Protein backbone atom coordinates (compact mmCIF):
# COMPACT_ATOMS: atom_id res chain seq x y z
CA MET A 1 0.00 0.00 0.00
CA LYS A 2 1.30 3.41 -0.90
CA THR A 3 2.15 5.64 2.05
CA GLU A 4 -0.10 8.66 2.33
CA CYS A 5 1.74 11.76 3.54
CA GLU A 6 -0.18 14.49 5.29
CA SER A 7 0.12 17.85 3.59
CA GLU A 8 -1.26 19.80 6.53
CA VAL A 9 0.88 22.67 7.80
CA ILE A 10 1.07 23.30 11.57
CA GLN A 11 1.44 26.99 12.37
CA PHE A 12 3.35 28.01 15.53
CA GLN A 13 4.10 31.46 16.93
CA ASN A 14 6.40 33.53 14.74
CA LEU A 15 10.07 34.31 15.36
CA LYS A 16 10.09 38.06 14.68
CA ASN A 17 9.24 38.29 10.96
CA ARG A 18 9.89 34.60 10.30
CA GLU A 19 7.16 31.97 10.27
CA VAL A 20 7.58 28.87 12.42
CA ILE A 21 5.69 25.97 10.86
CA GLY A 22 5.56 22.20 10.96
CA LYS A 23 5.47 20.35 7.61
CA PHE A 24 6.03 16.80 6.49
CA ASN A 25 7.73 17.20 3.12
CA GLY A 26 11.31 16.41 4.14
CA GLY A 27 14.21 18.81 3.87
CA THR A 28 16.27 19.76 6.93
CA ILE A 29 15.45 17.19 9.61
CA THR A 30 15.86 17.38 13.38
CA SER A 31 15.31 14.70 16.01
CA ASP A 32 14.22 17.25 18.63
CA GLY A 33 10.96 18.46 17.09
CA GLY A 34 9.22 18.20 20.47
CA GLY A 35 11.22 21.24 21.56
CA ILE A 36 8.95 23.46 19.48
CA LEU A 37 6.03 22.47 21.73
CA LEU A 38 8.07 23.54 24.77
CA ARG A 39 8.65 26.85 23.01
CA GLU A 40 4.87 27.29 22.77
CA VAL A 41 4.60 26.74 26.52
CA GLU A 42 7.34 29.31 27.13
CA LYS A 43 5.59 31.87 24.91
CA THR A 44 2.51 31.49 27.09
CA THR A 45 4.12 31.35 30.55
CA GLY A 46 7.42 33.25 30.15
CA ILE A 47 9.15 31.03 32.71
CA ILE A 48 12.48 30.94 30.85
CA ARG A 49 12.36 34.70 30.30
CA ASP A 50 11.78 35.18 34.02
CA SER A 51 14.59 32.72 34.81
CA ALA A 52 17.00 34.83 32.77
CA SER A 53 16.15 37.79 35.02
CA CYS A 54 17.89 35.90 37.86
CA PHE A 55 21.24 36.63 36.16
CA THR A 56 23.24 39.87 36.18
CA ASP A 57 25.24 40.49 33.00
CA TYR A 58 28.59 42.27 33.41
CA ARG A 59 29.76 41.63 29.83
CA ASP A 60 30.77 44.38 27.40
CA LYS A 61 27.64 44.99 25.29
CA LYS A 62 29.74 45.99 22.28
CA ARG A 63 31.37 42.56 22.17
CA THR A 64 28.31 40.49 23.04
CA GLU A 65 26.32 38.55 20.43
CA HIS A 66 24.09 36.52 22.77
CA THR A 67 21.72 38.03 25.31
CA VAL A 68 21.58 36.33 28.73
CA GLU A 69 18.17 34.88 27.90
CA GLN A 70 19.50 33.06 24.82
CA PRO A 71 22.15 30.82 26.47
CA VAL A 72 19.85 30.30 29.47
CA SER A 73 17.01 29.13 27.22
CA GLN A 74 19.46 27.10 25.15
CA ARG A 75 20.64 25.27 28.27
CA ILE A 76 17.10 24.66 29.56
CA TYR A 77 15.77 23.39 26.24
CA GLY A 78 18.85 21.16 25.94
CA LEU A 79 18.17 19.61 29.33
CA CYS A 80 14.52 19.04 28.40
CA CYS A 81 15.61 17.27 25.20
CA GLY A 82 18.07 15.03 27.05
CA TYR A 83 21.34 16.93 26.52
CA ASP A 84 22.75 17.14 30.06
CA ASP A 85 26.32 18.16 29.23
CA PRO A 86 27.22 21.68 28.05
CA ASN A 87 29.64 20.02 25.59
CA ASP A 88 26.58 18.81 23.65
CA HIS A 89 25.95 22.37 22.52
CA ASP A 90 29.00 22.37 20.28
CA SER A 91 27.02 20.14 17.93
CA LEU A 92 23.56 21.48 18.81
CA ARG A 93 24.59 24.98 17.78
CA CYS A 94 24.62 23.76 14.17
CA ASP A 95 20.94 22.72 14.43
CA PRO A 96 18.60 25.49 13.18
CA LEU A 97 15.90 24.28 15.58
CA SER A 98 18.18 25.01 18.53
CA ALA A 99 18.52 28.56 17.20
CA VAL A 100 14.74 28.93 16.92
CA LEU A 101 14.22 27.66 20.47
CA CYS A 102 16.64 30.14 22.01
CA GLY A 103 15.27 33.08 19.99
CA LYS A 104 18.01 33.77 17.43
CA GLU A 105 16.50 35.96 14.72
CA ASP A 106 18.61 34.32 12.00
CA PRO A 107 18.47 30.53 12.60
CA THR A 108 20.95 29.96 9.75
CA GLY A 109 23.75 31.79 11.59
CA SER A 110 24.74 33.87 8.57
CA ASP A 111 24.80 37.05 10.67
CA ARG A 112 27.56 35.95 13.05
CA LYS A 113 30.50 38.36 13.35
CA ARG A 114 33.35 35.88 13.34
CA LYS A 115 33.96 33.80 10.24
CA GLU A 116 34.39 30.57 12.22
CA ASP A 117 30.95 31.08 13.84
CA ILE A 118 28.98 31.47 10.61
CA GLY A 119 26.38 28.73 10.38
CA LYS A 120 26.38 28.30 14.17
CA PRO A 121 23.78 30.77 15.51
CA PRO A 122 23.48 29.66 19.19
CA ALA A 123 26.21 29.89 21.81
CA GLY A 124 28.82 27.15 22.19
CA LYS A 125 29.94 25.15 25.21
CA SER A 126 32.40 27.82 26.35
CA THR A 127 29.66 30.40 26.84
CA SER A 128 27.55 27.91 28.81
CA ASN A 129 30.50 26.92 30.98
CA ARG A 130 31.39 30.52 31.77
CA MET A 131 27.77 31.25 32.67
CA GLU A 132 27.53 28.24 35.01
CA LEU A 133 30.96 28.71 36.62
CA THR A 134 30.72 32.42 37.40
CA PRO A 135 31.63 32.84 41.11
CA ALA A 136 29.20 34.52 43.50
CA THR A 137 31.73 37.35 44.02
CA ALA A 138 31.94 38.27 40.31
CA ASP A 139 31.59 41.87 39.14
CA GLU A 140 32.43 43.93 36.06
CA LYS A 141 36.17 43.63 36.81
CA VAL A 142 36.25 39.83 36.36
CA ARG A 143 37.86 38.89 33.05
CA TYR A 144 35.88 35.88 31.85
CA GLU A 145 33.01 34.71 34.09
CA LYS A 146 30.74 37.75 33.97
CA ILE A 147 27.18 36.35 34.06
CA LEU A 148 26.29 36.25 37.76
CA PHE A 149 23.46 34.04 39.04
CA SER A 150 21.38 35.17 42.04
CA SER A 151 20.03 32.27 44.11
CA GLU A 152 17.85 34.71 46.06
CA LYS A 153 16.13 35.87 42.87
CA ALA A 154 15.63 32.24 41.84
CA ASP A 155 14.01 31.46 45.21
CA ASN A 156 11.64 34.40 44.78
CA LEU A 157 10.86 33.36 41.20
CA LEU A 158 9.71 29.90 42.27
CA ILE A 159 7.37 31.54 44.79
CA ASP A 160 6.09 34.01 42.18
CA ILE A 161 5.36 31.24 39.66
CA PHE A 162 3.42 29.37 42.33
CA ILE A 163 1.39 32.48 43.20
CA ARG A 164 0.61 33.28 39.55
CA SER A 165 -0.89 29.81 39.11
CA HIS A 166 -3.77 30.67 41.49
CA PRO A 167 -6.50 33.10 40.41
CA ILE A 168 -7.62 33.07 44.04
CA PRO A 169 -5.04 32.37 46.79
CA PRO A 170 -5.77 29.17 48.74
CA GLU A 171 -6.61 29.31 52.43
CA ARG A 172 -3.87 26.82 53.22
CA ILE A 173 -0.98 25.11 51.45
CA ILE A 174 0.65 21.77 52.17
CA THR A 175 4.30 21.48 51.22
CA ASP A 176 5.98 18.13 50.73
CA ALA A 177 9.75 18.03 51.37
CA ASP A 178 11.82 15.22 49.89
CA ALA A 179 15.51 14.46 49.74
CA ALA A 180 16.57 12.45 46.67
CA ASP A 181 19.84 10.87 45.60
CA ASP A 182 21.88 12.47 42.81
CA PRO A 183 24.62 9.88 42.05
CA VAL A 184 28.12 11.11 41.18
CA HIS A 185 30.59 9.09 39.16
CA GLY A 186 33.86 10.90 39.79
CA ASN A 187 35.75 12.67 42.57
CA GLN A 188 33.40 15.64 42.78
CA GLU A 189 33.83 17.99 45.70
CA GLY A 190 31.59 17.10 48.64
CA ARG A 191 30.69 13.59 47.52
CA PHE A 192 29.90 11.00 50.19
CA PHE A 193 28.77 7.37 50.21
CA HIS A 194 25.14 7.10 51.29
CA GLY A 195 24.18 3.82 52.95
CA TYR A 196 20.49 4.05 52.07
CA TYR A 197 21.07 4.63 48.35
CA LYS A 198 24.25 2.48 48.28
CA CYS A 199 26.23 4.88 46.11
CA TYR A 200 28.30 8.05 46.16
CA CYS A 201 25.88 10.90 45.67
CA TYR A 202 24.61 14.32 46.57
CA LEU A 203 21.38 14.66 48.53
CA PRO A 204 19.37 17.58 47.05
CA LEU A 205 16.33 18.81 48.95
CA TYR A 206 13.09 19.64 47.15
CA PHE A 207 9.88 21.30 48.33
CA PHE A 208 6.68 20.78 46.36
CA CYS A 209 3.13 21.99 46.71
CA ARG A 210 1.26 19.52 44.52
CA ASP A 211 2.95 19.91 41.10
CA HIS A 212 4.76 23.16 41.89
CA LEU A 213 8.43 23.22 42.87
CA LEU A 214 8.90 25.81 45.62
CA CYS A 215 12.52 25.18 46.62
CA ALA A 216 15.57 23.21 45.44
CA ARG A 217 18.82 22.89 47.39
CA LEU A 218 21.90 20.97 46.24
CA ARG A 219 23.47 19.38 49.33
CA SER A 220 26.17 16.88 50.16
CA SER A 221 24.94 13.44 51.27
CA GLY A 222 27.15 13.59 54.38
CA ILE A 223 24.30 15.21 56.34
CA ASP A 224 20.98 14.26 57.89
CA ALA A 225 18.32 14.08 55.20
CA SER A 226 16.05 16.48 57.11
CA GLU A 227 18.67 19.17 57.68
CA GLY A 228 17.38 22.69 57.02
CA THR A 229 13.82 21.64 56.22
CA THR A 230 12.14 23.61 59.02
CA GLU A 231 14.01 26.79 58.09
CA GLU A 232 13.22 26.36 54.39
CA SER A 233 9.53 25.71 55.10
CA GLU A 234 9.33 28.94 57.11
CA ARG A 235 11.09 30.83 54.31
CA ILE A 236 8.64 29.48 51.72
CA VAL A 237 5.53 30.34 53.72
CA SER A 238 6.98 33.75 54.54
CA GLY A 239 7.68 34.37 50.84
CA VAL A 240 4.17 33.36 49.81
CA SER A 241 2.53 35.57 52.44
CA VAL A 242 4.75 38.58 51.83
CA SER A 243 4.17 38.31 48.07
CA HIS A 244 0.45 38.66 48.73
CA GLY A 245 1.01 41.62 51.05
CA LEU A 246 -0.89 40.00 53.90
CA MET A 247 1.48 40.13 56.85
CA SER A 248 5.01 41.14 57.72
CA GLU A 249 7.81 38.62 57.27
CA SER A 250 8.56 38.47 60.99
CA HIS A 251 4.88 37.92 61.87
CA CYS A 252 4.58 35.25 59.19
CA ALA A 253 7.65 33.39 60.44
CA GLU A 254 6.11 33.27 63.91
CA THR A 255 2.55 32.24 63.05
CA ALA A 256 2.33 30.66 59.59
CA VAL A 257 3.90 27.27 60.34
CA SER A 258 1.39 25.53 62.56
CA ALA A 259 2.85 22.01 62.59
CA VAL A 260 6.02 20.26 61.46
CA MET A 261 5.97 16.48 61.37
CA LYS A 262 9.30 14.80 60.67
CA SER A 263 9.95 11.26 59.48
CA CYS A 264 13.63 10.46 58.84
CA TYR A 265 12.90 7.12 57.18
CA GLY A 266 12.98 7.58 53.44
CA ALA A 267 14.22 11.12 53.93
CA LYS A 268 10.67 12.43 53.80
CA ILE A 269 9.19 15.33 55.71
CA ARG A 270 5.67 16.61 55.46
CA VAL A 271 5.07 20.16 56.56
CA LEU A 272 1.53 21.38 57.12
CA THR A 273 1.42 25.16 56.85
CA MET A 274 -1.62 27.23 57.68
CA CYS A 275 -1.67 30.65 56.01
CA ARG A 276 -4.20 32.97 57.63
CA ASP A 277 -6.05 35.97 56.25
CA TRP A 278 -5.54 35.23 52.57
CA ARG A 279 -7.34 37.64 50.33
CA ARG A 280 -7.99 37.76 46.62
CA MET A 281 -5.12 39.03 44.48
CA SER A 282 -5.29 40.04 40.81
CA VAL A 283 -2.77 38.08 38.74
């Protein structure tokens, strides 16, 4: 039987003056077509754009070809598509779809300044490495690592995303804290052998409220699994309440956490938080 090919064209949101469409007539092929659906989600929610605001850029604008948002989005989309290592972007930067995902106006890369970069519109592994390895003390005087990440802004962003998801603030929230193993396979700094997971690993801490991530902390596994959970739960509830303008941070820290029930087995802690006097907020 002869194969019947669909001729339907799928129209996505434009990239500036360029159309972004899905067709089935061959040509340039990519194995990461699902990334375009993630781009549609980003156009609606703006989460990656907001994530880029957690970085401070000290680079010389005259010598910069990539905005902060572009390598940040490039790294996030890469992780979503299964490319965990920044080295993967040395090949991904030749993929026009990668350029579309991170917002490059010319996905063919013909507008690059350096001859060796023509045809490679997104940033390479060196840019990603410099962005991820910038020390917390960096400023405009640092020579190479000039894109500074603010963990405080990231914490506030997770709270803001959670708040924006509710047309009407809930009368109470229940946060679920879990420690999970993150195995390491080399001599990374701070690695320890964990008897429960039977491997060398880190022990990151996560806080969720249903499907929403409210906090993430990378920690060594040479600690108690519940370390810092009470303090983080108070910070989360304080951040939620202060964002709604309901009570002062000090008052919230004293009254918002009504009960903390700890269970060390399985590294699981359930924190019941009662937030009083919620009122409707326009989103």
